[in-house]
Amino acid sequence: MAKVLIVDDSKFMRKVIREALESGGHTIIGEADNGADGIVEYKSTKPDFVTMDITMGGKDGLKAVREILEIDVNAKIIIVSALNENTIRMNDPGIKVAAFITKPFDKELLLNTISGIL
């Protein structure tokens, strides 16, 4: 299965995402609690895909997505946020990610979304 980086400021949400992904056979190779650390982790771990929250202290998810895509135009990023896709696109109409999942999410939706991307 895939190697995953989880970026979310909520320790609880990182745990929920981790458990969902691991139950689907994926390996978590890194976690970060803000966008800046997520970028550092991305560079060092080179994951198959990233789950990215949007609203975080410090560097937010939108900025982190843009920077990761500057590093790797083929990066596969799934936004997992309490903000819905329309709200995110209003803030960044040109955002290029593989998928949007709104919190709270269904584990099967996350796993099926990942299967479709990989």
Protein backbone atom coordinates (compact mmCIF):
# COMPACT_ATOMS: atom_id res chain seq x y z
CA MET A 1 0.00 0.00 0.00
CA ALA A 2 1.01 3.66 0.24
CA LYS A 3 3.37 5.67 2.44
CA VAL A 4 1.50 8.61 3.97
CA LEU A 5 2.30 11.96 5.61
CA ILE A 6 -0.44 13.38 7.86
CA VAL A 7 -0.51 17.16 8.42
CA ASP A 8 -3.08 18.37 10.96
CA ASP A 9 -2.82 20.60 14.03
CA SER A 10 -5.14 18.35 16.04
CA LYS A 11 -3.40 15.42 17.69
CA PHE A 12 -6.78 13.69 17.98
CA MET A 13 -7.50 14.12 14.26
CA ARG A 14 -4.03 12.84 13.32
CA LYS A 15 -4.82 9.74 15.40
CA VAL A 16 -8.21 9.28 13.69
CA ILE A 17 -6.63 9.61 10.22
CA ARG A 18 -3.73 7.33 11.20
CA GLU A 19 -6.08 4.59 12.43
CA ALA A 20 -8.26 4.83 9.32
CA LEU A 21 -5.29 4.65 6.97
CA GLU A 22 -3.52 1.87 8.84
CA SER A 23 -6.73 -0.18 8.82
CA GLY A 24 -6.57 0.08 5.02
CA GLY A 25 -2.99 -1.20 4.94
CA HIS A 26 -1.24 2.14 4.49
CA THR A 27 1.96 3.09 6.34
CA ILE A 28 2.24 6.43 8.14
CA ILE A 29 5.80 7.66 7.57
CA GLY A 30 5.40 11.08 9.14
CA GLU A 31 3.15 13.52 10.95
CA ALA A 32 3.22 17.29 11.31
CA ASP A 33 1.07 19.71 13.28
CA ASN A 34 1.49 22.72 10.95
CA GLY A 35 2.19 23.50 7.32
CA ALA A 36 5.83 24.49 7.78
CA ASP A 37 6.68 21.20 9.51
CA GLY A 38 4.62 19.37 6.88
CA ILE A 39 6.85 20.77 4.14
CA VAL A 40 9.99 19.69 6.02
CA GLU A 41 8.51 16.20 6.53
CA TYR A 42 7.52 16.00 2.87
CA LYS A 43 11.08 16.75 1.76
CA SER A 44 12.59 14.18 4.12
CA THR A 45 10.05 11.34 3.77
CA LYS A 46 8.89 11.62 0.12
CA PRO A 47 5.44 10.10 0.82
CA ASP A 48 3.12 8.60 -1.80
CA PHE A 49 0.47 11.05 -0.64
CA VAL A 50 -0.28 13.67 2.01
CA THR A 51 -3.41 14.37 4.02
CA MET A 52 -3.48 18.13 4.68
CA ASP A 53 -5.62 20.16 7.04
CA ILE A 54 -6.23 23.78 6.05
CA THR A 55 -6.79 25.76 9.24
CA MET A 56 -3.62 25.51 11.33
CA GLY A 57 -1.47 27.93 13.30
CA GLY A 58 1.67 29.18 11.62
CA LYS A 59 1.76 28.19 7.96
CA ASP A 60 -1.73 27.09 6.93
CA GLY A 61 -2.57 24.19 4.66
CA LEU A 62 -3.14 26.31 1.54
CA LYS A 63 0.37 27.76 1.72
CA ALA A 64 1.83 24.33 2.49
CA VAL A 65 0.05 22.77 -0.51
CA ARG A 66 1.46 25.45 -2.83
CA GLU A 67 4.99 24.96 -1.48
CA ILE A 68 4.86 21.17 -1.66
CA LEU A 69 3.68 21.42 -5.27
CA GLU A 70 6.62 23.74 -6.02
CA ILE A 71 8.93 21.01 -4.67
CA ASP A 72 7.10 18.19 -6.46
CA VAL A 73 4.50 18.96 -9.13
CA ASN A 74 3.35 15.33 -8.96
CA ALA A 75 2.64 15.38 -5.21
CA LYS A 76 -0.66 13.73 -4.32
CA ILE A 77 -2.40 15.79 -1.67
CA ILE A 78 -5.79 15.12 -0.10
CA ILE A 79 -7.24 18.01 1.82
CA VAL A 80 -9.00 16.77 4.97
CA SER A 81 -10.60 19.84 6.52
CA ALA A 82 -13.67 21.11 8.34
CA LEU A 83 -13.88 23.65 5.49
CA ASN A 84 -15.72 22.36 2.45
CA GLU A 85 -14.28 22.42 -1.08
CA ASN A 86 -16.25 25.51 -2.14
CA THR A 87 -14.95 27.53 0.81
CA ILE A 88 -11.38 26.42 0.14
CA ARG A 89 -11.68 27.27 -3.58
CA MET A 90 -13.02 30.74 -2.68
CA ASN A 91 -9.76 31.35 -0.80
CA ASP A 92 -7.55 29.73 -3.45
CA PRO A 93 -9.38 29.16 -6.75
CA GLY A 94 -6.33 27.60 -8.40
CA ILE A 95 -5.55 25.03 -5.71
CA LYS A 96 -4.48 21.74 -7.28
CA VAL A 97 -5.05 18.74 -5.04
CA ALA A 98 -6.10 15.15 -5.68
CA ALA A 99 -9.23 15.31 -3.50
CA PHE A 100 -11.18 17.15 -0.82
CA ILE A 101 -12.67 15.38 2.21
CA THR A 102 -14.75 17.30 4.74
CA LYS A 103 -14.42 16.54 8.46
CA PRO A 104 -15.90 14.62 10.10
CA PHE A 105 -15.35 11.96 7.47
CA ASP A 106 -16.26 8.34 6.96
CA LYS A 107 -13.27 5.98 7.07
CA GLU A 108 -14.45 4.14 3.95
CA LEU A 109 -14.73 7.43 2.02
CA LEU A 110 -11.11 8.22 2.87
CA LEU A 111 -9.88 4.76 1.90
CA ASN A 112 -11.90 4.71 -1.33
CA THR A 113 -10.65 8.18 -2.25
CA ILE A 114 -7.06 7.03 -1.76
CA SER A 115 -7.64 3.89 -3.82
CA GLY A 116 -8.95 6.05 -6.64
CA ILE A 117 -5.90 8.30 -6.52
CA LEU A 118 -3.33 5.52 -6.39
